[in-house]
């Protein structure tokens, strides 16, 4: 093994946990200096640049670095779903509901242990919200009307950081609300919700990156690129698995964890034909809801 191979191998083991740890550290510092949004944005930008560089240096699939003509659509979906839906609808709703839940919690009616250390509360939030995220994701695969919206994300032919946020805005809304709702009903503080959003954003980008990485036991706990590549398989025996957003806990419990000892497929996508343009992709899910179920490609 030459020097370059050795360097790549070391990076492949350290990249996922190392980059996530740096981003979490930056987020923690943001809370400490009362600038959580600023430090989150800096951490997210750092993660995107680091992963983009690694995608060029040590890609998992070299073919996935080739232009597929979907970069504009990917960015447009990201701005539409993440920017408009989350910022204007979801977060405003969360803040509004929190204004009602917080007084009830402070009065002793809430179930959330707000006097526990914030780190413990965040860990609880990630685990509990994952139950809602898991079932929202699984339902989008198993119920065809919801699959029509989720298929926009699965229609990609390659995985890389730019299509991390490629979701139809209705699919994005459907995915976020269940996880947040669980924490709000229990009376979780806004800090825990912000931490959950940040962790989900970091792991989401790491999950979709086209970087050769190794994970070992981490793939039994977290949603890693290794697992998510199976999830994007055209073979539904592999693709209708690994629904976890951040953790694989509920996949283990409900029998949908999948990680065989072989290389995930390079040929990914869906069996249906997705239009190339952004506006056409927004309209596509509304065209019909009559097909009873997805089928495997020939």
C-alpha atoms as a PDB file:
ATOM      1  CA  UNK A   1       0.000   0.000   0.000  1.00  0.00           C
ATOM      2  CA  UNK A   2       1.566   3.302  -1.086  1.00  0.00           C
ATOM      3  CA  UNK A   3       1.432   6.560   0.823  1.00  0.00           C
ATOM      4  CA  UNK A   4      -1.620   7.953  -0.982  1.00  0.00           C
ATOM      5  CA  UNK A   5      -3.569   4.754  -0.354  1.00  0.00           C
ATOM      6  CA  UNK A   6      -2.611   4.875   3.315  1.00  0.00           C
ATOM      7  CA  UNK A   7      -3.756   8.497   3.625  1.00  0.00           C
ATOM      8  CA  UNK A   8      -7.058   7.718   1.937  1.00  0.00           C
ATOM      9  CA  UNK A   9      -7.636   4.716   4.166  1.00  0.00           C
ATOM     10  CA  UNK A  10      -6.996   6.738   7.336  1.00  0.00           C
ATOM     11  CA  UNK A  11      -9.306   9.511   6.119  1.00  0.00           C
ATOM     12  CA  UNK A  12     -11.977   6.959   5.230  1.00  0.00           C
ATOM     13  CA  UNK A  13     -12.162   5.888   8.872  1.00  0.00           C
ATOM     14  CA  UNK A  14     -11.891   9.360  10.419  1.00  0.00           C
ATOM     15  CA  UNK A  15     -13.949  11.521   8.037  1.00  0.00           C
ATOM     16  CA  UNK A  16     -17.499  10.730   9.189  1.00  0.00           C
ATOM     17  CA  UNK A  17     -17.046  10.862  12.983  1.00  0.00           C
ATOM     18  CA  UNK A  18     -14.417  13.616  12.733  1.00  0.00           C
ATOM     19  CA  UNK A  19     -16.463  16.006  10.606  1.00  0.00           C
ATOM     20  CA  UNK A  20     -19.591  15.394  12.669  1.00  0.00           C
ATOM     21  CA  UNK A  21     -17.655  16.056  15.880  1.00  0.00           C
ATOM     22  CA  UNK A  22     -16.271  19.340  14.504  1.00  0.00           C
ATOM     23  CA  UNK A  23     -19.745  20.512  13.491  1.00  0.00           C
ATOM     24  CA  UNK A  24     -21.212  19.580  16.872  1.00  0.00           C
ATOM     25  CA  UNK A  25     -18.361  21.390  18.589  1.00  0.00           C
ATOM     26  CA  UNK A  26     -18.997  24.531  16.541  1.00  0.00           C
ATOM     27  CA  UNK A  27     -22.715  24.327  17.359  1.00  0.00           C
ATOM     28  CA  UNK A  28     -21.977  23.961  21.062  1.00  0.00           C
ATOM     29  CA  UNK A  29     -19.713  27.005  20.923  1.00  0.00           C
ATOM     30  CA  UNK A  30     -22.503  28.899  19.175  1.00  0.00           C
ATOM     31  CA  UNK A  31     -24.814  28.243  22.105  1.00  0.00           C
ATOM     32  CA  UNK A  32     -22.083  29.202  24.561  1.00  0.00           C
ATOM     33  CA  UNK A  33     -21.593  32.636  22.933  1.00  0.00           C
ATOM     34  CA  UNK A  34     -25.315  33.080  22.206  1.00  0.00           C
ATOM     35  CA  UNK A  35     -24.807  32.851  18.428  1.00  0.00           C
ATOM     36  CA  UNK A  36     -26.249  29.398  17.631  1.00  0.00           C
ATOM     37  CA  UNK A  37     -27.651  30.308  14.200  1.00  0.00           C
ATOM     38  CA  UNK A  38     -24.431  31.967  13.036  1.00  0.00           C
ATOM     39  CA  UNK A  39     -22.231  29.075  14.163  1.00  0.00           C
ATOM     40  CA  UNK A  40     -24.636  26.533  12.701  1.00  0.00           C
ATOM     41  CA  UNK A  41     -24.405  28.234   9.307  1.00  0.00           C
ATOM     42  CA  UNK A  42     -20.617  28.355   9.538  1.00  0.00           C
ATOM     43  CA  UNK A  43     -20.465  24.688  10.533  1.00  0.00           C
ATOM     44  CA  UNK A  44     -22.803  23.705   7.705  1.00  0.00           C
ATOM     45  CA  UNK A  45     -20.743  25.661   5.169  1.00  0.00           C
ATOM     46  CA  UNK A  46     -17.545  24.084   6.513  1.00  0.00           C
ATOM     47  CA  UNK A  47     -19.070  20.605   6.221  1.00  0.00           C
ATOM     48  CA  UNK A  48     -20.213  21.233   2.649  1.00  0.00           C
ATOM     49  CA  UNK A  49     -16.782  22.484   1.556  1.00  0.00           C
ATOM     50  CA  UNK A  50     -14.949  19.654   3.323  1.00  0.00           C
ATOM     51  CA  UNK A  51     -17.164  16.981   1.787  1.00  0.00           C
ATOM     52  CA  UNK A  52     -17.004  18.548  -1.668  1.00  0.00           C
ATOM     53  CA  UNK A  53     -13.204  18.412  -1.500  1.00  0.00           C
ATOM     54  CA  UNK A  54     -13.266  14.799  -0.345  1.00  0.00           C
ATOM     55  CA  UNK A  55     -15.700  13.888  -3.122  1.00  0.00           C
ATOM     56  CA  UNK A  56     -13.083  15.000  -5.618  1.00  0.00           C
ATOM     57  CA  UNK A  57     -10.136  13.433  -3.775  1.00  0.00           C
ATOM     58  CA  UNK A  58     -11.611  10.061  -2.825  1.00  0.00           C
ATOM     59  CA  UNK A  59     -15.082   9.485  -4.319  1.00  0.00           C
ATOM     60  CA  UNK A  60     -17.057   6.379  -3.481  1.00  0.00           C
ATOM     61  CA  UNK A  61     -18.223   6.158  -7.104  1.00  0.00           C
ATOM     62  CA  UNK A  62     -16.225   8.120  -9.698  1.00  0.00           C
ATOM     63  CA  UNK A  63     -19.203   8.071 -12.074  1.00  0.00           C
ATOM     64  CA  UNK A  64     -21.275   9.960  -9.494  1.00  0.00           C
ATOM     65  CA  UNK A  65     -18.965  12.949  -9.913  1.00  0.00           C
ATOM     66  CA  UNK A  66     -20.084  13.323 -13.529  1.00  0.00           C
ATOM     67  CA  UNK A  67     -22.687  15.975 -14.357  1.00  0.00           C
ATOM     68  CA  UNK A  68     -26.246  14.605 -14.505  1.00  0.00           C
ATOM     69  CA  UNK A  69     -27.932  17.856 -15.489  1.00  0.00           C
ATOM     70  CA  UNK A  70     -29.785  18.046 -12.173  1.00  0.00           C
ATOM     71  CA  UNK A  71     -27.663  20.529 -10.219  1.00  0.00           C
ATOM     72  CA  UNK A  72     -30.070  23.432 -10.742  1.00  0.00           C
ATOM     73  CA  UNK A  73     -33.077  21.278  -9.849  1.00  0.00           C
ATOM     74  CA  UNK A  74     -31.281  19.968  -6.747  1.00  0.00           C
ATOM     75  CA  UNK A  75     -30.497  23.484  -5.511  1.00  0.00           C
ATOM     76  CA  UNK A  76     -33.976  24.762  -6.372  1.00  0.00           C
ATOM     77  CA  UNK A  77     -35.626  21.931  -4.418  1.00  0.00           C
ATOM     78  CA  UNK A  78     -33.309  22.623  -1.480  1.00  0.00           C
ATOM     79  CA  UNK A  79     -34.186  26.320  -1.435  1.00  0.00           C
ATOM     80  CA  UNK A  80     -37.886  25.567  -1.827  1.00  0.00           C
ATOM     81  CA  UNK A  81     -38.168  22.821   0.782  1.00  0.00           C
ATOM     82  CA  UNK A  82     -35.531  23.816   3.322  1.00  0.00           C
ATOM     83  CA  UNK A  83     -35.827  27.565   2.936  1.00  0.00           C
ATOM     84  CA  UNK A  84     -39.514  28.227   2.402  1.00  0.00           C
ATOM     85  CA  UNK A  85     -41.192  25.311   4.155  1.00  0.00           C
ATOM     86  CA  UNK A  86     -38.895  24.964   7.148  1.00  0.00           C
ATOM     87  CA  UNK A  87     -38.090  28.605   7.802  1.00  0.00           C
ATOM     88  CA  UNK A  88     -41.470  30.161   7.084  1.00  0.00           C
ATOM     89  CA  UNK A  89     -43.868  27.367   7.985  1.00  0.00           C
ATOM     90  CA  UNK A  90     -42.327  24.728  10.244  1.00  0.00           C
ATOM     91  CA  UNK A  91     -40.137  26.886  12.474  1.00  0.00           C
ATOM     92  CA  UNK A  92     -42.801  29.568  12.840  1.00  0.00           C
ATOM     93  CA  UNK A  93     -45.281  26.845  13.817  1.00  0.00           C
ATOM     94  CA  UNK A  94     -42.811  25.275  16.243  1.00  0.00           C
ATOM     95  CA  UNK A  95     -42.093  28.601  17.888  1.00  0.00           C
ATOM     96  CA  UNK A  96     -45.797  29.358  18.075  1.00  0.00           C
ATOM     97  CA  UNK A  97     -46.668  26.017  19.646  1.00  0.00           C
ATOM     98  CA  UNK A  98     -43.700  26.283  21.983  1.00  0.00           C
ATOM     99  CA  UNK A  99     -45.090  29.552  23.321  1.00  0.00           C
ATOM    100  CA  UNK A 100     -48.123  27.585  24.538  1.00  0.00           C
ATOM    101  CA  UNK A 101     -46.295  24.456  25.652  1.00  0.00           C
ATOM    102  CA  UNK A 102     -43.572  26.225  27.654  1.00  0.00           C
ATOM    103  CA  UNK A 103     -45.901  27.869  30.228  1.00  0.00           C
ATOM    104  CA  UNK A 104     -47.654  24.538  30.761  1.00  0.00           C
ATOM    105  CA  UNK A 105     -44.324  22.805  31.276  1.00  0.00           C
ATOM    106  CA  UNK A 106     -43.066  25.450  33.679  1.00  0.00           C
ATOM    107  CA  UNK A 107     -46.295  25.084  35.613  1.00  0.00           C
ATOM    108  CA  UNK A 108     -45.576  21.375  36.077  1.00  0.00           C
ATOM    109  CA  UNK A 109     -47.889  19.911  33.432  1.00  0.00           C
ATOM    110  CA  UNK A 110     -45.220  18.857  30.954  1.00  0.00           C
ATOM    111  CA  UNK A 111     -43.517  15.467  30.843  1.00  0.00           C
ATOM    112  CA  UNK A 112     -40.151  16.718  29.589  1.00  0.00           C
ATOM    113  CA  UNK A 113     -37.352  16.763  32.224  1.00  0.00           C
ATOM    114  CA  UNK A 114     -36.202  20.341  31.631  1.00  0.00           C
ATOM    115  CA  UNK A 115     -34.011  20.293  34.744  1.00  0.00           C
ATOM    116  CA  UNK A 116     -31.817  17.531  33.295  1.00  0.00           C
ATOM    117  CA  UNK A 117     -28.494  18.442  31.605  1.00  0.00           C
ATOM    118  CA  UNK A 118     -29.033  19.793  28.090  1.00  0.00           C
ATOM    119  CA  UNK A 119     -26.803  17.067  26.617  1.00  0.00           C
ATOM    120  CA  UNK A 120     -29.113  14.396  28.021  1.00  0.00           C
ATOM    121  CA  UNK A 121     -32.167  16.281  26.775  1.00  0.00           C
ATOM    122  CA  UNK A 122     -30.688  16.489  23.275  1.00  0.00           C
ATOM    123  CA  UNK A 123     -29.947  12.759  23.235  1.00  0.00           C
ATOM    124  CA  UNK A 124     -33.506  12.073  24.374  1.00  0.00           C
ATOM    125  CA  UNK A 125     -34.811  14.396  21.679  1.00  0.00           C
ATOM    126  CA  UNK A 126     -32.867  12.648  18.934  1.00  0.00           C
ATOM    127  CA  UNK A 127     -34.090   9.208  20.004  1.00  0.00           C
ATOM    128  CA  UNK A 128     -37.747  10.147  20.540  1.00  0.00           C
ATOM    129  CA  UNK A 129     -38.089  12.315  17.429  1.00  0.00           C
ATOM    130  CA  UNK A 130     -36.572   9.497  15.400  1.00  0.00           C
ATOM    131  CA  UNK A 131     -39.733   7.457  15.984  1.00  0.00           C
ATOM    132  CA  UNK A 132     -41.814  10.053  14.123  1.00  0.00           C
ATOM    133  CA  UNK A 133     -39.175  10.553  11.444  1.00  0.00           C
ATOM    134  CA  UNK A 134     -38.904   6.794  10.885  1.00  0.00           C
ATOM    135  CA  UNK A 135     -42.629   6.250  10.363  1.00  0.00           C
ATOM    136  CA  UNK A 136     -43.032   9.349   8.211  1.00  0.00           C
ATOM    137  CA  UNK A 137     -40.243   8.063   5.969  1.00  0.00           C
ATOM    138  CA  UNK A 138     -41.508   4.489   5.899  1.00  0.00           C
ATOM    139  CA  UNK A 139     -45.055   5.586   5.090  1.00  0.00           C
ATOM    140  CA  UNK A 140     -43.705   7.631   2.171  1.00  0.00           C
ATOM    141  CA  UNK A 141     -42.352   4.385   0.709  1.00  0.00           C
ATOM    142  CA  UNK A 142     -45.332   2.163   1.474  1.00  0.00           C
ATOM    143  CA  UNK A 143     -48.272   4.455   0.639  1.00  0.00           C
ATOM    144  CA  UNK A 144     -48.261   5.396  -3.027  1.00  0.00           C
ATOM    145  CA  UNK A 145     -49.795   8.911  -2.785  1.00  0.00           C
ATOM    146  CA  UNK A 146     -46.968   9.938  -0.445  1.00  0.00           C
ATOM    147  CA  UNK A 147     -44.402   8.051  -2.528  1.00  0.00           C
ATOM    148  CA  UNK A 148     -45.211  10.325  -5.481  1.00  0.00           C
ATOM    149  CA  UNK A 149     -43.728  13.242  -3.535  1.00  0.00           C
ATOM    150  CA  UNK A 150     -40.861  11.260  -2.008  1.00  0.00           C
ATOM    151  CA  UNK A 151     -39.927   9.865  -5.436  1.00  0.00           C
ATOM    152  CA  UNK A 152     -38.571  13.284  -6.395  1.00  0.00           C
ATOM    153  CA  UNK A 153     -35.750  12.657  -3.941  1.00  0.00           C
ATOM    154  CA  UNK A 154     -35.214   9.049  -5.003  1.00  0.00           C
ATOM    155  CA  UNK A 155     -35.150   9.872  -8.710  1.00  0.00           C
ATOM    156  CA  UNK A 156     -31.493  10.963  -8.537  1.00  0.00           C
ATOM    157  CA  UNK A 157     -28.981   8.848 -10.461  1.00  0.00           C
ATOM    158  CA  UNK A 158     -26.102   9.714  -8.173  1.00  0.00           C
ATOM    159  CA  UNK A 159     -25.575  10.709  -4.537  1.00  0.00           C
ATOM    160  CA  UNK A 160     -23.531  13.776  -3.640  1.00  0.00           C
ATOM    161  CA  UNK A 161     -23.814  16.704  -1.265  1.00  0.00           C
ATOM    162  CA  UNK A 162     -25.815  18.913  -3.647  1.00  0.00           C
ATOM    163  CA  UNK A 163     -28.837  16.595  -3.692  1.00  0.00           C
ATOM    164  CA  UNK A 164     -28.939  16.294   0.104  1.00  0.00           C
ATOM    165  CA  UNK A 165     -31.862  18.721   0.190  1.00  0.00           C
ATOM    166  CA  UNK A 166     -33.585  17.563  -2.986  1.00  0.00           C
ATOM    167  CA  UNK A 167     -37.071  17.037  -1.555  1.00  0.00           C
ATOM    168  CA  UNK A 168     -40.455  18.087  -2.833  1.00  0.00           C
ATOM    169  CA  UNK A 169     -41.636  20.734  -0.377  1.00  0.00           C
ATOM    170  CA  UNK A 170     -44.678  18.655   0.614  1.00  0.00           C
ATOM    171  CA  UNK A 171     -42.437  15.666   1.292  1.00  0.00           C
ATOM    172  CA  UNK A 172     -40.198  17.881   3.416  1.00  0.00           C
ATOM    173  CA  UNK A 173     -43.136  19.190   5.421  1.00  0.00           C
ATOM    174  CA  UNK A 174     -44.474  15.663   5.929  1.00  0.00           C
ATOM    175  CA  UNK A 175     -41.105  14.511   7.242  1.00  0.00           C
ATOM    176  CA  UNK A 176     -40.339  17.331   9.683  1.00  0.00           C
ATOM    177  CA  UNK A 177     -43.623  17.764  11.502  1.00  0.00           C
ATOM    178  CA  UNK A 178     -43.942  14.269  13.134  1.00  0.00           C
ATOM    179  CA  UNK A 179     -40.508  14.373  14.752  1.00  0.00           C
ATOM    180  CA  UNK A 180     -40.935  17.905  16.062  1.00  0.00           C
ATOM    181  CA  UNK A 181     -44.494  17.245  17.233  1.00  0.00           C
ATOM    182  CA  UNK A 182     -43.400  14.462  19.601  1.00  0.00           C
ATOM    183  CA  UNK A 183     -40.968  16.762  21.375  1.00  0.00           C
ATOM    184  CA  UNK A 184     -43.420  19.663  21.507  1.00  0.00           C
ATOM    185  CA  UNK A 185     -46.172  17.525  23.028  1.00  0.00           C
ATOM    186  CA  UNK A 186     -43.754  16.353  25.691  1.00  0.00           C
ATOM    187  CA  UNK A 187     -42.720  19.952  26.394  1.00  0.00           C
ATOM    188  CA  UNK A 188     -39.118  19.947  25.120  1.00  0.00           C
ATOM    189  CA  UNK A 189     -37.336  23.344  25.260  1.00  0.00           C
ATOM    190  CA  UNK A 190     -36.464  25.302  22.145  1.00  0.00           C
ATOM    191  CA  UNK A 191     -32.744  24.564  22.668  1.00  0.00           C
ATOM    192  CA  UNK A 192     -33.387  20.833  22.235  1.00  0.00           C
ATOM    193  CA  UNK A 193     -35.376  21.481  19.046  1.00  0.00           C
ATOM    194  CA  UNK A 194     -32.608  23.639  17.593  1.00  0.00           C
ATOM    195  CA  UNK A 195     -30.027  20.990  18.432  1.00  0.00           C
ATOM    196  CA  UNK A 196     -32.180  18.320  16.773  1.00  0.00           C
ATOM    197  CA  UNK A 197     -32.445  20.433  13.615  1.00  0.00           C
ATOM    198  CA  UNK A 198     -28.684  20.971  13.522  1.00  0.00           C
ATOM    199  CA  UNK A 199     -27.830  17.292  14.059  1.00  0.00           C
ATOM    200  CA  UNK A 200     -30.314  16.243  11.378  1.00  0.00           C
ATOM    201  CA  UNK A 201     -28.813  18.751   8.925  1.00  0.00           C
ATOM    202  CA  UNK A 202     -25.241  17.558   9.531  1.00  0.00           C
ATOM    203  CA  UNK A 203     -26.024  13.852   9.334  1.00  0.00           C
ATOM    204  CA  UNK A 204     -28.207  14.444   6.270  1.00  0.00           C
ATOM    205  CA  UNK A 205     -25.337  15.953   4.300  1.00  0.00           C
ATOM    206  CA  UNK A 206     -22.904  13.302   5.504  1.00  0.00           C
ATOM    207  CA  UNK A 207     -25.389  10.589   4.524  1.00  0.00           C
ATOM    208  CA  UNK A 208     -25.638  11.745   0.902  1.00  0.00           C
ATOM    209  CA  UNK A 209     -21.966  12.480   0.254  1.00  0.00           C
ATOM    210  CA  UNK A 210     -20.033  10.640  -2.447  1.00  0.00           C
ATOM    211  CA  UNK A 211     -16.963   9.980  -0.313  1.00  0.00           C
ATOM    212  CA  UNK A 212     -15.306   6.631   0.250  1.00  0.00           C
ATOM    213  CA  UNK A 213     -15.718   6.039   3.981  1.00  0.00           C
ATOM    214  CA  UNK A 214     -15.580   3.152   6.430  1.00  0.00           C
ATOM    215  CA  UNK A 215     -17.794   2.927   9.491  1.00  0.00           C
ATOM    216  CA  UNK A 216     -17.599  -0.398  11.335  1.00  0.00           C
ATOM    217  CA  UNK A 217     -19.973  -0.443  14.310  1.00  0.00           C
ATOM    218  CA  UNK A 218     -21.121   3.138  13.622  1.00  0.00           C
ATOM    219  CA  UNK A 219     -23.497   1.858  10.934  1.00  0.00           C
ATOM    220  CA  UNK A 220     -25.319  -0.168  13.582  1.00  0.00           C
ATOM    221  CA  UNK A 221     -26.123   3.045  15.456  1.00  0.00           C
ATOM    222  CA  UNK A 222     -26.232   5.941  12.993  1.00  0.00           C
ATOM    223  CA  UNK A 223     -27.573   6.518   9.501  1.00  0.00           C
ATOM    224  CA  UNK A 224     -24.350   6.501   7.485  1.00  0.00           C
ATOM    225  CA  UNK A 225     -23.632   6.818   3.742  1.00  0.00           C
ATOM    226  CA  UNK A 226     -23.031   3.071   3.701  1.00  0.00           C
ATOM    227  CA  UNK A 227     -26.620   2.415   4.784  1.00  0.00           C
ATOM    228  CA  UNK A 228     -28.226   5.168   2.763  1.00  0.00           C
ATOM    229  CA  UNK A 229     -26.718   3.909  -0.498  1.00  0.00           C
ATOM    230  CA  UNK A 230     -28.692   0.704   0.035  1.00  0.00           C
ATOM    231  CA  UNK A 231     -31.782   2.804   0.666  1.00  0.00           C
ATOM    232  CA  UNK A 232     -31.450   4.402  -2.786  1.00  0.00           C
ATOM    233  CA  UNK A 233     -31.195   1.038  -4.536  1.00  0.00           C
ATOM    234  CA  UNK A 234     -33.608   0.364  -7.424  1.00  0.00           C
ATOM    235  CA  UNK A 235     -34.102  -3.121  -5.961  1.00  0.00           C
ATOM    236  CA  UNK A 236     -36.856  -2.591  -3.390  1.00  0.00           C
ATOM    237  CA  UNK A 237     -35.659  -5.509  -1.298  1.00  0.00           C
ATOM    238  CA  UNK A 238     -32.743  -3.200  -0.515  1.00  0.00           C
ATOM    239  CA  UNK A 239     -34.329   0.195  -1.127  1.00  0.00           C
ATOM    240  CA  UNK A 240     -37.319  -0.203   1.191  1.00  0.00           C
ATOM    241  CA  UNK A 241     -34.979  -0.459   4.155  1.00  0.00           C
ATOM    242  CA  UNK A 242     -32.958   1.843   6.434  1.00  0.00           C
ATOM    243  CA  UNK A 243     -35.621   4.477   7.056  1.00  0.00           C
ATOM    244  CA  UNK A 244     -33.863   6.118  10.007  1.00  0.00           C
ATOM    245  CA  UNK A 245     -32.994   9.795   9.639  1.00  0.00           C
ATOM    246  CA  UNK A 246     -30.228  10.030  12.240  1.00  0.00           C
ATOM    247  CA  UNK A 247     -30.310   6.732  14.135  1.00  0.00           C
ATOM    248  CA  UNK A 248     -30.993   3.135  13.146  1.00  0.00           C
ATOM    249  CA  UNK A 249     -32.753   2.263  16.408  1.00  0.00           C
ATOM    250  CA  UNK A 250     -36.247   1.864  14.982  1.00  0.00           C
ATOM    251  CA  UNK A 251     -34.985   0.029  11.895  1.00  0.00           C
ATOM    252  CA  UNK A 252     -33.527  -2.591  14.235  1.00  0.00           C
ATOM    253  CA  UNK A 253     -36.742  -2.759  16.257  1.00  0.00           C
ATOM    254  CA  UNK A 254     -39.097  -2.982  13.258  1.00  0.00           C
ATOM    255  CA  UNK A 255     -36.900  -5.236  11.108  1.00  0.00           C
ATOM    256  CA  UNK A 256     -35.985  -2.806   8.319  1.00  0.00           C
ATOM    257  CA  UNK A 257     -32.230  -2.579   8.931  1.00  0.00           C
ATOM    258  CA  UNK A 258     -30.210  -3.678   5.900  1.00  0.00           C
ATOM    259  CA  UNK A 259     -26.442  -3.810   5.414  1.00  0.00           C
ATOM    260  CA  UNK A 260     -25.109  -6.828   3.560  1.00  0.00           C
ATOM    261  CA  UNK A 261     -21.407  -7.564   3.211  1.00  0.00           C
ATOM    262  CA  UNK A 262     -21.061  -6.374  -0.384  1.00  0.00           C
ATOM    263  CA  UNK A 263     -20.813  -3.098  -2.253  1.00  0.00           C
ATOM    264  CA  UNK A 264     -24.095  -1.128  -2.528  1.00  0.00           C
ATOM    265  CA  UNK A 265     -25.392  -0.713  -6.100  1.00  0.00           C
ATOM    266  CA  UNK A 266     -24.061   2.083  -8.284  1.00  0.00           C
ATOM    267  CA  UNK A 267     -27.199   2.110 -10.441  1.00  0.00           C
ATOM    268  CA  UNK A 268     -29.728   3.973  -8.296  1.00  0.00           C
ATOM    269  CA  UNK A 269     -33.008   5.746  -8.993  1.00  0.00           C
ATOM    270  CA  UNK A 270     -36.663   4.814  -9.496  1.00  0.00           C
ATOM    271  CA  UNK A 271     -38.602   2.715 -12.002  1.00  0.00           C
ATOM    272  CA  UNK A 272     -40.830   5.640 -12.998  1.00  0.00           C
ATOM    273  CA  UNK A 273     -39.838   8.424 -15.378  1.00  0.00           C
ATOM    274  CA  UNK A 274     -39.125  11.725 -13.642  1.00  0.00           C
ATOM    275  CA  UNK A 275     -39.116  14.938 -15.735  1.00  0.00           C
ATOM    276  CA  UNK A 276     -35.812  16.793 -15.884  1.00  0.00           C
ATOM    277  CA  UNK A 277     -37.019  20.302 -15.032  1.00  0.00           C
ATOM    278  CA  UNK A 278     -37.569  21.678 -11.523  1.00  0.00           C
ATOM    279  CA  UNK A 279     -41.084  23.037 -12.128  1.00  0.00           C
ATOM    280  CA  UNK A 280     -42.125  19.831 -13.880  1.00  0.00           C
ATOM    281  CA  UNK A 281     -40.841  17.849 -10.901  1.00  0.00           C
ATOM    282  CA  UNK A 282     -42.920  19.994  -8.537  1.00  0.00           C
ATOM    283  CA  UNK A 283     -46.034  19.244 -10.610  1.00  0.00           C
ATOM    284  CA  UNK A 284     -45.276  15.551 -11.254  1.00  0.00           C
ATOM    285  CA  UNK A 285     -46.618  14.123  -7.940  1.00  0.00           C
ATOM    286  CA  UNK A 286     -50.043  15.690  -8.536  1.00  0.00           C
ATOM    287  CA  UNK A 287     -50.554  14.061 -11.916  1.00  0.00           C
ATOM    288  CA  UNK A 288     -51.927  10.761 -10.652  1.00  0.00           C
ATOM    289  CA  UNK A 289     -52.409   8.772  -7.456  1.00  0.00           C
ATOM    290  CA  UNK A 290     -53.994   5.667  -8.934  1.00  0.00           C
ATOM    291  CA  UNK A 291     -51.109   3.246  -9.221  1.00  0.00           C
ATOM    292  CA  UNK A 292     -51.467   0.838  -6.301  1.00  0.00           C
ATOM    293  CA  UNK A 293     -47.819   0.235  -5.519  1.00  0.00           C
ATOM    294  CA  UNK A 294     -44.242   0.634  -6.654  1.00  0.00           C
ATOM    295  CA  UNK A 295     -42.638  -2.179  -8.606  1.00  0.00           C
ATOM    296  CA  UNK A 296     -39.092  -3.324  -9.045  1.00  0.00           C
ATOM    297  CA  UNK A 297     -37.451  -2.343 -12.343  1.00  0.00           C
ATOM    298  CA  UNK A 298     -37.131  -5.054 -14.960  1.00  0.00           C
END
